[in-house]
Every structure is written in C-alpha cells, then in structure tokens.
Amino acid sequence: MEEHQRRGSHPSLSSLITLITLIATSSPLASAAATLTDDSKCECYLTNGTQASFFTTHRFLDFRNLAKNAGVPPTIAKSDDSGSAPVTSEYFTSKEWTETFWVQSWNNSHMTREDATVLMVNSPNNVYIEANGDRNPSSQTWLTLRTQRLKDFQTAAEIESIGPGFQYLSVRMLARTVGSPGAITALFTYRGSDRLADVQESDLEVRTMDPHNTIQYTNQPSYTEEGEEIDRATKNVTLPNGHPDWTHWAVHRLDWTPKETVWYVDGIEIATISFQTPRDPSKVILNAWSDGGEWSGNMTVNEAAYLQIQWLEIVYNATDENPARKMKRDDDGAAAALSARSGNDEDEEGGCDVVCSIDETTDRGKPVMLWNNGGVRTMEVWLVSWIPSFMLLGMFVLSSGGLW
C-alpha cells in the first residue's frame, strides 16, 4: 500500500512529456534555430547528414521564376554553327549567372575516347530557360540542358563553374531527367589531369538507357589505363521503393568532404564512397551529352534527352583551411559538431561566431541562423539559455516527490 501511494503521488508520464516539450519549444535556442536570415549575417554553414560539415560560402541559383527569359530555341542542325551559337537569353549574361557558371562550347573532335562513335558538340543553344509545362506546375520555369542526336553529330550541353576554387562542398539541385535512351545527365566535381590516375572527380550520373530507378555514383577514375575496372570507385544504385525515380522531381545532393563523398536523394543517404575521394580544388560541372559510346549509348537520330533543374544550391570552402571548427566522431561514428570558435581566444584566430544552415530552412535559398555566439562560447550560451528550463523541471519533479 505504501509503495502504491508513493507511486500515485508522481506526475503521469504524459504530463512530464508535455512539460519537457514546452521547455524545449520555448527555450531561446529553439526559437533562434527557426530564424531566417541572409548570407551577409552568416559566417559559416553547418550541414546535416552522416558527414556533417562546416562550409564558409553559400550560393543559390533559382530558375523557378524567370518567365521573361523563357523560350525553347530550335536545335541548330550544323555542328559549326552549334558550337558558336550565342547564349539563349539575357539571364546567362546576368551577374547572378556569370559569377558562378559559364556555358561551354567545346567538342570532342580532338579527344581520344576510344569507343566514341559520334562527334559531340557542346552548344550554348542547348542551355535555356523553359516554361513549366507540368500538369500541376510547382514553378513558372526551370533551367534545361538538352542533348539531341542529329544526322552528323550529337549536340550537347554543359555548364561549368567559373573557376576550380571549390575544395569540399555540399551541392544540391531540384532536378529530373527526361527523354530518350542513349544519353548521360550529370552533376559532378572535376579536377582534370593529363594522367588518368591523377584525375579527381565525384560523379552523379544518370544513363537514360538504364532503368529509371538506377543512378551511378563514382569517385573517378573508375578504370585504369589498361582498361581494367576499379570496383571500389563506383556504385550503381537502385533507388529504394517509394523513392521518386530520375524522371520525377527530386532533390539530388552530393557532399564532398575530406573523408568521403556521400550522395542523397530527397534527404535520404543513397551511396557513400571513401575510396580515392578528391583532395584538391575542383570545378563543379553539370551536363547532358552522348558520344555514341558504350557508356552513354547511341541515341536514335532526332531523339533527345533533357536535364531539367528548378534550383541549384551550394555551400563550399575555397581551400582546405576551414575557418570553422572541425568535426569530431562520437563512439557510434556519427558526426558531431564542435562548438564554433568565438574568435576571441588568443590561440584561435578567425573562427565562426554565426553559424547558419541551409537544411533547416522553410524558405529554399534563405539560410537559417542556428546560433550566434556574439563572442560567447556555444556551450555557455546553451547553459545560460537552459538554466531557467532546468530550474522549472527540477521544481516540478521535487514537488511531485521525485521521478520514480
């Protein structure tokens, strides 16, 4: 009886959970975590995921509301004219675009890819803003990269970052691939070399000849000079049931960190490769192409395939000297962020007082402020913020005679 009365004097589990929830949602840190901000106020960005990392710079290119630039240009039928074509709209001369990317016009006539059977010409004419013709459109427009097989050549599309200044990044795009078999659409980091073994590259590739739920992820090179395949370098992944296939809109994400490359679809980790992870500053490239070879396939004449992108977002570092605090691993191998440096200690120069996120935002392209140290260490801010909450919880427990 005594034990029964003692237990009966305690709060119910539901009331305790309600109190804890109230404390968590009303704490200063909880409200700060929901604060939308802009890049001018962010000193670094913390990503989520299995290799959570700090990055110093954020870029967001939004192709969803560019109706004044929309228009599908007719395919140029002559290879010489295709390569020398101008850009398709004023958007590709805007500051937003030219500070990040430029449209390519090179061809493979001087390349030595042994199994290529078709002249491939990258054309600015194949990179354009297109009006959204979906039945239930989620945007006004999108960016299209087009590749099409013509009688005498394959016309293709490629955009490349202005410089090779990316050294570790997290890049995401809301995208899909549609069209005929015999093409590749891709998002990848790239650092070239005259020697195959020195190439550094992390790929996300869709082969339109493959099943619609299959995507190829690779840390290149995936083969040797002698033509032998390197199995550890690549993963041909079948997307889990319930995942949108590559013909449907999905957020495709590539995280390149010092330890490994991780790929996600709609926030779910799909593949991880730690073998020959790129080390040095690289470019970011997107393309849609075919050369008639074994890898891309040989597209039927007059058929076409398209990479369509609603938005593209990147957080990155320009060098390996990251001014934000490095990461540590806990006993379970999960990434845990150390507190950002306050920048006030004599032995810690630089640092990162204001930490933001592009993952927790409710408005794509606008970061969320996770914390602002203001010269105070994160742990100190955390303790100060939660002391009233702990006091409230303690008073509640004591008044009820303990937890058990």
Protein backbone atom coordinates (compact mmCIF):
# COMPACT_ATOMS: atom_id res chain seq x y z
CA MET A 1 0.00 0.00 0.00
CA GLU A 2 2.78 2.41 0.91
CA GLU A 3 4.57 1.76 -2.38
CA HIS A 4 1.32 2.20 -4.28
CA GLN A 5 0.67 5.56 -2.60
CA ARG A 6 4.23 6.70 -3.29
CA ARG A 7 3.86 5.92 -6.99
CA GLY A 8 0.47 7.53 -7.12
CA SER A 9 1.91 10.84 -5.94
CA HIS A 10 4.07 11.22 -9.05
CA PRO A 11 3.14 13.06 -12.24
CA SER A 12 1.85 11.00 -15.14
CA LEU A 13 4.27 10.26 -17.98
CA SER A 14 2.13 12.27 -20.38
CA SER A 15 2.24 15.37 -18.20
CA LEU A 16 6.02 15.08 -17.85
CA ILE A 17 6.44 14.79 -21.64
CA THR A 18 4.17 17.81 -22.09
CA LEU A 19 6.33 19.86 -19.74
CA ILE A 20 9.58 18.85 -21.43
CA THR A 21 8.11 19.68 -24.82
CA LEU A 22 7.02 23.09 -23.55
CA ILE A 23 10.50 23.75 -22.18
CA ALA A 24 12.21 22.69 -25.43
CA THR A 25 9.99 24.73 -27.71
CA SER A 26 10.11 27.84 -25.54
CA SER A 27 13.85 27.92 -24.98
CA PRO A 28 15.91 30.72 -26.54
CA LEU A 29 17.89 28.26 -28.65
CA ALA A 30 14.77 26.65 -30.06
CA SER A 31 13.41 30.00 -31.21
CA ALA A 32 16.80 31.06 -32.57
CA ALA A 33 17.03 27.88 -34.61
CA ALA A 34 13.94 28.93 -36.57
CA THR A 35 15.24 32.38 -37.52
CA LEU A 36 15.52 33.02 -41.26
CA THR A 37 18.43 35.25 -42.17
CA ASP A 38 20.59 36.17 -45.15
CA ASP A 39 24.14 35.31 -46.19
CA SER A 40 25.54 38.67 -45.09
CA LYS A 41 24.90 37.65 -41.48
CA CYS A 42 26.32 34.10 -41.74
CA GLU A 43 29.98 33.37 -41.09
CA CYS A 44 29.69 29.66 -41.90
CA TYR A 45 27.15 26.96 -42.69
CA LEU A 46 26.68 23.63 -40.93
CA THR A 47 25.18 20.81 -42.99
CA ASN A 48 23.30 17.80 -41.69
CA GLY A 49 23.87 14.20 -42.77
CA THR A 50 26.33 11.43 -41.97
CA GLN A 51 29.31 13.69 -42.74
CA ALA A 52 28.01 16.94 -41.28
CA SER A 53 30.50 19.68 -42.09
CA PHE A 54 31.13 23.41 -41.85
CA PHE A 55 31.43 25.49 -45.03
CA THR A 56 32.20 29.16 -45.49
CA THR A 57 30.29 30.23 -48.63
CA HIS A 58 26.74 29.84 -49.93
CA ARG A 59 25.36 30.27 -53.45
CA PHE A 60 21.78 29.76 -54.60
CA LEU A 61 20.60 29.91 -58.21
CA ASP A 62 16.83 29.97 -58.60
CA PHE A 63 15.39 29.11 -62.02
CA ARG A 64 11.75 28.92 -60.92
CA ASN A 65 10.56 32.45 -61.71
CA LEU A 66 12.29 33.52 -64.91
CA ALA A 67 9.29 33.82 -67.23
CA LYS A 68 10.74 36.84 -69.04
CA ASN A 69 13.75 34.73 -70.06
CA ALA A 70 11.81 31.61 -71.07
CA GLY A 71 11.90 30.18 -74.57
CA VAL A 72 12.92 26.90 -76.19
CA PRO A 73 15.37 27.58 -79.04
CA PRO A 74 15.20 25.36 -82.13
CA THR A 75 18.06 22.86 -82.36
CA ILE A 76 20.90 24.07 -84.58
CA ALA A 77 21.48 21.46 -87.31
CA LYS A 78 25.07 22.35 -88.30
CA SER A 79 27.92 21.45 -85.95
CA ASP A 80 29.98 24.60 -86.62
CA ASP A 81 27.01 26.87 -86.04
CA SER A 82 26.00 24.93 -82.95
CA GLY A 83 29.33 25.41 -81.16
CA SER A 84 29.50 29.13 -81.95
CA ALA A 85 25.91 29.96 -81.01
CA PRO A 86 25.23 32.80 -78.56
CA VAL A 87 23.58 32.29 -75.19
CA THR A 88 19.84 31.88 -75.34
CA SER A 89 18.69 34.72 -73.05
CA GLU A 90 19.85 37.70 -71.04
CA TYR A 91 19.80 35.59 -67.90
CA PHE A 92 23.07 33.93 -68.97
CA THR A 93 24.77 37.33 -69.06
CA SER A 94 23.38 38.39 -65.66
CA LYS A 95 25.60 38.84 -62.63
CA GLU A 96 23.83 36.01 -60.80
CA TRP A 97 24.85 33.57 -63.53
CA THR A 98 28.26 34.86 -64.61
CA GLU A 99 29.60 34.99 -61.05
CA THR A 100 29.11 31.24 -60.78
CA PHE A 101 28.88 29.46 -64.16
CA TRP A 102 29.65 29.79 -67.83
CA VAL A 103 28.20 27.85 -70.77
CA GLN A 104 30.57 25.55 -72.67
CA SER A 105 31.11 25.26 -76.43
CA TRP A 106 33.91 22.67 -76.79
CA ASN A 107 33.66 19.48 -78.86
CA ASN A 108 35.29 16.05 -78.78
CA SER A 109 36.91 16.14 -82.23
CA HIS A 110 40.42 16.21 -80.70
CA MET A 111 39.74 13.78 -77.87
CA THR A 112 40.91 10.19 -77.80
CA ARG A 113 37.99 8.38 -76.14
CA GLU A 114 38.32 5.05 -77.91
CA ASP A 115 34.70 3.96 -78.04
CA ALA A 116 33.21 7.33 -79.09
CA THR A 117 31.45 6.89 -82.42
CA VAL A 118 29.80 10.28 -82.80
CA LEU A 119 31.08 13.87 -82.94
CA MET A 120 29.76 15.64 -79.85
CA VAL A 121 29.45 19.44 -79.81
CA ASN A 122 28.52 21.42 -76.71
CA SER A 123 26.35 24.35 -77.67
CA PRO A 124 25.18 27.42 -75.70
CA ASN A 125 21.98 26.96 -77.70
CA ASN A 126 21.18 23.88 -75.60
CA VAL A 127 21.17 25.72 -72.27
CA TYR A 128 17.95 27.66 -71.81
CA ILE A 129 15.13 28.70 -69.51
CA GLU A 130 11.93 26.78 -70.20
CA ALA A 131 8.35 27.47 -69.15
CA ASN A 132 6.97 24.84 -66.78
CA GLY A 133 4.51 22.72 -68.75
CA ASP A 134 3.72 20.24 -65.99
CA ARG A 135 0.08 19.43 -65.29
CA ASN A 136 0.40 20.77 -61.74
CA PRO A 137 3.37 23.14 -62.05
CA SER A 138 5.47 23.78 -58.94
CA SER A 139 7.28 26.69 -60.62
CA GLN A 140 6.92 29.10 -63.52
CA THR A 141 10.13 27.97 -65.22
CA TRP A 142 13.19 25.72 -65.00
CA LEU A 143 16.68 25.52 -66.46
CA THR A 144 17.10 22.94 -69.25
CA LEU A 145 20.26 21.25 -70.53
CA ARG A 146 19.47 19.49 -73.83
CA THR A 147 21.26 16.84 -75.84
CA GLN A 148 19.96 15.64 -79.21
CA ARG A 149 21.20 13.25 -81.87
CA LEU A 150 21.32 14.79 -85.33
CA LYS A 151 22.33 13.17 -88.59
CA ASP A 152 26.02 14.06 -88.42
CA PHE A 153 26.66 14.80 -84.74
CA GLN A 154 25.34 14.87 -81.19
CA THR A 155 24.54 18.34 -79.93
CA ALA A 156 25.08 18.58 -76.18
CA ALA A 157 25.03 20.96 -73.18
CA GLU A 158 27.48 21.69 -70.38
CA ILE A 159 27.83 24.38 -67.75
CA GLU A 160 30.98 24.75 -65.68
CA SER A 161 31.88 26.79 -62.62
CA ILE A 162 33.88 29.93 -63.36
CA GLY A 163 36.92 28.58 -61.55
CA PRO A 164 38.25 25.43 -59.89
CA GLY A 165 38.03 27.03 -56.47
CA PHE A 166 35.77 24.52 -54.73
CA GLN A 167 37.54 22.46 -52.10
CA TYR A 168 34.88 20.43 -50.29
CA LEU A 169 31.23 21.24 -50.74
CA SER A 170 27.62 20.23 -50.46
CA VAL A 171 25.71 20.81 -53.71
CA ARG A 172 22.02 20.15 -54.21
CA MET A 173 19.60 20.50 -57.11
CA LEU A 174 15.88 20.01 -57.54
CA ALA A 175 16.03 18.20 -60.85
CA ARG A 176 14.82 15.43 -63.13
CA THR A 177 15.97 13.74 -66.34
CA VAL A 178 13.57 13.00 -69.17
CA GLY A 179 13.92 11.86 -72.75
CA SER A 180 15.22 9.06 -74.94
CA PRO A 181 17.80 6.32 -74.22
CA GLY A 182 21.39 6.93 -75.21
CA ALA A 183 22.36 9.97 -73.12
CA ILE A 184 24.03 10.93 -69.84
CA THR A 185 22.95 13.71 -67.49
CA ALA A 186 25.31 14.52 -64.66
CA LEU A 187 26.34 16.70 -61.72
CA PHE A 188 29.97 16.34 -60.63
CA THR A 189 33.13 17.88 -59.23
CA TYR A 190 36.15 17.71 -61.54
CA ARG A 191 39.89 18.27 -61.47
CA GLY A 192 41.49 17.14 -64.71
CA SER A 193 44.96 15.80 -65.47
CA ASP A 194 46.90 14.50 -68.46
CA ARG A 195 47.41 11.33 -66.44
CA LEU A 196 44.26 9.29 -65.80
CA ALA A 197 45.36 8.19 -62.33
CA ASP A 198 45.63 11.85 -61.26
CA VAL A 199 42.08 12.80 -62.26
CA GLN A 200 39.94 13.78 -59.25
CA GLU A 201 36.20 13.61 -59.72
CA SER A 202 32.98 12.82 -57.84
CA ASP A 203 30.05 11.96 -60.12
CA LEU A 204 26.30 11.71 -60.02
CA GLU A 205 25.29 10.26 -63.40
CA VAL A 206 22.00 9.19 -64.96
CA ARG A 207 22.20 6.96 -68.01
CA THR A 208 18.92 7.21 -69.91
CA MET A 209 19.39 3.64 -71.19
CA ASP A 210 19.20 2.35 -67.60
CA PRO A 211 16.06 1.62 -65.56
CA HIS A 212 14.50 4.80 -64.25
CA ASN A 213 15.31 3.91 -60.63
CA THR A 214 19.06 3.42 -61.22
CA ILE A 215 21.75 6.07 -60.70
CA GLN A 216 25.53 5.74 -60.98
CA TYR A 217 27.76 7.30 -58.28
CA THR A 218 31.55 7.36 -58.73
CA ASN A 219 34.80 8.74 -57.39
CA GLN A 220 36.81 8.76 -60.61
CA PRO A 221 38.80 7.24 -62.16
CA SER A 222 36.73 4.05 -62.27
CA TYR A 223 39.12 2.27 -64.64
CA THR A 224 42.85 2.04 -65.32
CA GLU A 225 44.93 2.96 -68.36
CA GLU A 226 44.81 -0.75 -69.26
CA GLY A 227 41.00 -0.69 -69.25
CA GLU A 228 40.53 -2.63 -66.01
CA GLU A 229 37.53 -1.58 -63.93
CA ILE A 230 38.05 -0.33 -60.36
CA ASP A 231 35.06 -1.72 -58.50
CA ARG A 232 35.66 0.25 -55.29
CA ALA A 233 35.35 3.54 -57.17
CA THR A 234 31.72 3.25 -58.21
CA LYS A 235 28.25 2.23 -57.05
CA ASN A 236 25.37 1.52 -59.40
CA VAL A 237 22.44 2.15 -57.06
CA THR A 238 18.84 1.07 -57.36
CA LEU A 239 16.75 3.63 -55.50
CA PRO A 240 14.66 2.21 -52.64
CA ASN A 241 10.95 1.56 -53.15
CA GLY A 242 8.96 4.72 -52.64
CA HIS A 243 11.73 6.99 -53.88
CA PRO A 244 10.99 9.11 -56.95
CA ASP A 245 12.92 7.81 -59.95
CA TRP A 246 15.08 10.16 -62.00
CA THR A 247 12.19 11.12 -64.31
CA HIS A 248 10.47 12.80 -61.35
CA TRP A 249 11.41 15.92 -59.44
CA ALA A 250 13.71 15.15 -56.51
CA VAL A 251 16.45 16.90 -54.56
CA HIS A 252 19.75 15.29 -55.59
CA ARG A 253 22.66 16.08 -53.27
CA LEU A 254 26.41 15.47 -53.42
CA ASP A 255 28.54 16.05 -50.31
CA TRP A 256 32.29 16.07 -50.93
CA THR A 257 34.24 16.01 -47.66
CA PRO A 258 37.89 15.22 -46.89
CA LYS A 259 36.94 11.72 -45.78
CA GLU A 260 34.37 10.59 -48.35
CA THR A 261 31.73 11.50 -50.89
CA VAL A 262 28.11 10.99 -49.88
CA TRP A 263 25.06 11.18 -52.15
CA TYR A 264 21.43 11.73 -51.13
CA VAL A 265 18.02 11.74 -52.81
CA ASP A 266 15.36 13.81 -51.04
CA GLY A 267 17.46 13.81 -47.87
CA ILE A 268 17.97 10.04 -47.74
CA GLU A 269 21.55 8.77 -47.99
CA ILE A 270 21.84 6.61 -51.10
CA ALA A 271 25.57 5.98 -51.55
CA THR A 272 28.91 6.63 -49.83
CA ILE A 273 32.39 6.14 -51.33
CA SER A 274 35.57 6.79 -49.35
CA PHE A 275 37.92 5.28 -51.95
CA GLN A 276 40.01 7.92 -53.82
CA THR A 277 37.95 10.84 -52.51
CA PRO A 278 39.05 14.05 -54.30
CA ARG A 279 41.59 16.15 -52.38
CA ASP A 280 42.36 19.30 -54.36
CA PRO A 281 40.38 22.35 -55.55
CA SER A 282 37.96 21.39 -58.31
CA LYS A 283 35.27 22.66 -60.67
CA VAL A 284 31.54 22.00 -60.46
CA ILE A 285 30.04 20.80 -63.76
CA LEU A 286 26.58 19.83 -65.00
CA ASN A 287 25.93 18.36 -68.43
CA ALA A 288 23.71 16.41 -70.80
CA TRP A 289 25.59 14.54 -73.53
CA SER A 290 26.26 11.44 -75.62
CA ASP A 291 29.11 10.35 -77.87
CA GLY A 292 27.67 7.10 -79.19
CA GLY A 293 30.00 5.09 -76.99
CA GLU A 294 29.38 2.11 -74.73
CA TRP A 295 28.93 4.22 -71.60
CA SER A 296 26.45 6.76 -72.97
CA GLY A 297 24.79 4.58 -75.59
CA ASN A 298 23.96 5.58 -79.14
CA MET A 299 20.89 7.77 -79.37
CA THR A 300 18.47 7.38 -82.26
CA VAL A 301 18.67 10.18 -84.82
CA ASN A 302 16.37 13.12 -83.94
CA GLU A 303 15.77 11.81 -80.41
CA ALA A 304 16.68 13.97 -77.38
CA ALA A 305 17.14 13.91 -73.60
CA TYR A 306 16.99 16.72 -71.05
CA LEU A 307 18.31 17.61 -67.59
CA GLN A 308 15.76 19.99 -66.05
CA ILE A 309 16.63 21.96 -62.89
CA GLN A 310 14.40 24.20 -60.76
CA TRP A 311 17.15 25.40 -58.43
CA LEU A 312 20.79 24.76 -57.60
CA GLU A 313 22.36 25.39 -54.17
CA ILE A 314 25.97 25.08 -52.99
CA VAL A 315 27.77 25.58 -49.70
CA TYR A 316 31.52 25.20 -50.02
CA ASN A 317 35.05 26.03 -48.94
CA ALA A 318 37.58 27.53 -51.31
CA THR A 319 40.60 25.98 -49.57
CA ASP A 320 41.29 23.25 -47.02
CA GLU A 321 41.91 25.90 -44.36
CA ASN A 322 38.39 25.92 -42.96
CA PRO A 323 37.94 28.83 -40.51
CA ALA A 324 35.09 26.94 -38.86
CA ARG A 325 35.69 24.38 -36.18
CA LYS A 326 36.46 20.86 -37.44
CA MET A 327 34.25 17.87 -36.72
CA LYS A 328 34.71 15.02 -34.26
CA ARG A 329 33.29 11.49 -34.30
CA ASP A 330 31.41 10.03 -31.36
CA ASP A 331 31.57 6.36 -30.33
CA ASP A 332 28.84 5.44 -32.81
CA GLY A 333 30.64 7.10 -35.71
CA ALA A 334 28.02 9.82 -36.03
CA ALA A 335 29.23 13.31 -36.89
CA ALA A 336 29.06 15.76 -34.01
CA ALA A 337 29.78 19.44 -34.46
CA LEU A 338 32.18 21.05 -32.06
CA SER A 339 31.23 24.49 -30.90
CA ALA A 340 32.12 27.18 -33.37
CA ARG A 341 35.13 29.24 -32.34
CA SER A 342 34.39 32.51 -30.69
CA GLY A 343 37.36 34.18 -32.32
CA ASN A 344 38.26 35.90 -29.06
CA ASP A 345 40.86 33.46 -27.78
CA GLU A 346 44.47 34.31 -28.40
CA ASP A 347 45.18 30.82 -29.73
CA GLU A 348 42.15 30.75 -32.01
CA GLU A 349 42.16 33.31 -34.78
CA GLY A 350 39.34 33.73 -37.27
CA GLY A 351 36.64 31.41 -36.05
CA CYS A 352 32.94 31.37 -36.73
CA ASP A 353 30.58 33.21 -34.41
CA VAL A 354 27.46 32.99 -36.56
CA VAL A 355 26.54 29.51 -37.76
CA CYS A 356 23.75 29.03 -40.31
CA SER A 357 22.03 26.13 -42.05
CA ILE A 358 20.51 25.61 -45.49
CA ASP A 359 18.95 22.32 -44.35
CA GLU A 360 16.64 23.61 -41.61
CA THR A 361 15.16 26.46 -43.64
CA THR A 362 11.49 26.78 -44.53
CA ASP A 363 12.31 29.04 -47.49
CA ARG A 364 14.67 27.41 -50.01
CA GLY A 365 17.69 29.59 -50.73
CA LYS A 366 17.45 31.53 -47.46
CA PRO A 367 19.63 30.22 -44.63
CA VAL A 368 18.51 29.75 -41.06
CA MET A 369 20.63 31.03 -38.18
CA LEU A 370 21.49 28.12 -35.88
CA TRP A 371 23.38 30.17 -33.33
CA ASN A 372 25.13 33.47 -32.86
CA ASN A 373 27.85 33.31 -30.24
CA GLY A 374 28.43 37.04 -30.10
CA GLY A 375 31.82 36.34 -28.53
CA VAL A 376 30.42 33.78 -26.07
CA ARG A 377 31.10 30.10 -26.41
CA THR A 378 28.22 27.97 -27.63
CA MET A 379 28.21 25.79 -24.52
CA GLU A 380 27.96 28.87 -22.35
CA VAL A 381 25.07 30.18 -24.41
CA TRP A 382 23.41 26.78 -24.18
CA LEU A 383 23.77 26.62 -20.39
CA VAL A 384 22.56 30.15 -19.83
CA SER A 385 19.58 29.57 -22.11
CA TRP A 386 18.55 26.35 -20.44
CA ILE A 387 19.15 27.19 -16.73
CA PRO A 388 15.58 28.55 -16.26
CA SER A 389 14.22 25.46 -18.00
CA PHE A 390 16.21 23.10 -15.78
CA MET A 391 15.01 25.01 -12.71
CA LEU A 392 11.40 24.67 -13.82
CA LEU A 393 11.80 20.96 -14.47
CA GLY A 394 13.54 20.45 -11.10
CA MET A 395 10.81 22.29 -9.21
CA PHE A 396 8.18 20.18 -10.92
CA VAL A 397 9.95 16.92 -10.10
CA LEU A 398 10.64 17.88 -6.47
CA SER A 399 7.11 18.99 -5.87
CA SER A 400 5.96 15.58 -7.09
CA GLY A 401 8.30 13.66 -4.83
CA GLY A 402 10.87 12.55 -7.44
CA LEU A 403 10.85 10.90 -10.80
CA TRP A 404 10.07 7.38 -9.65
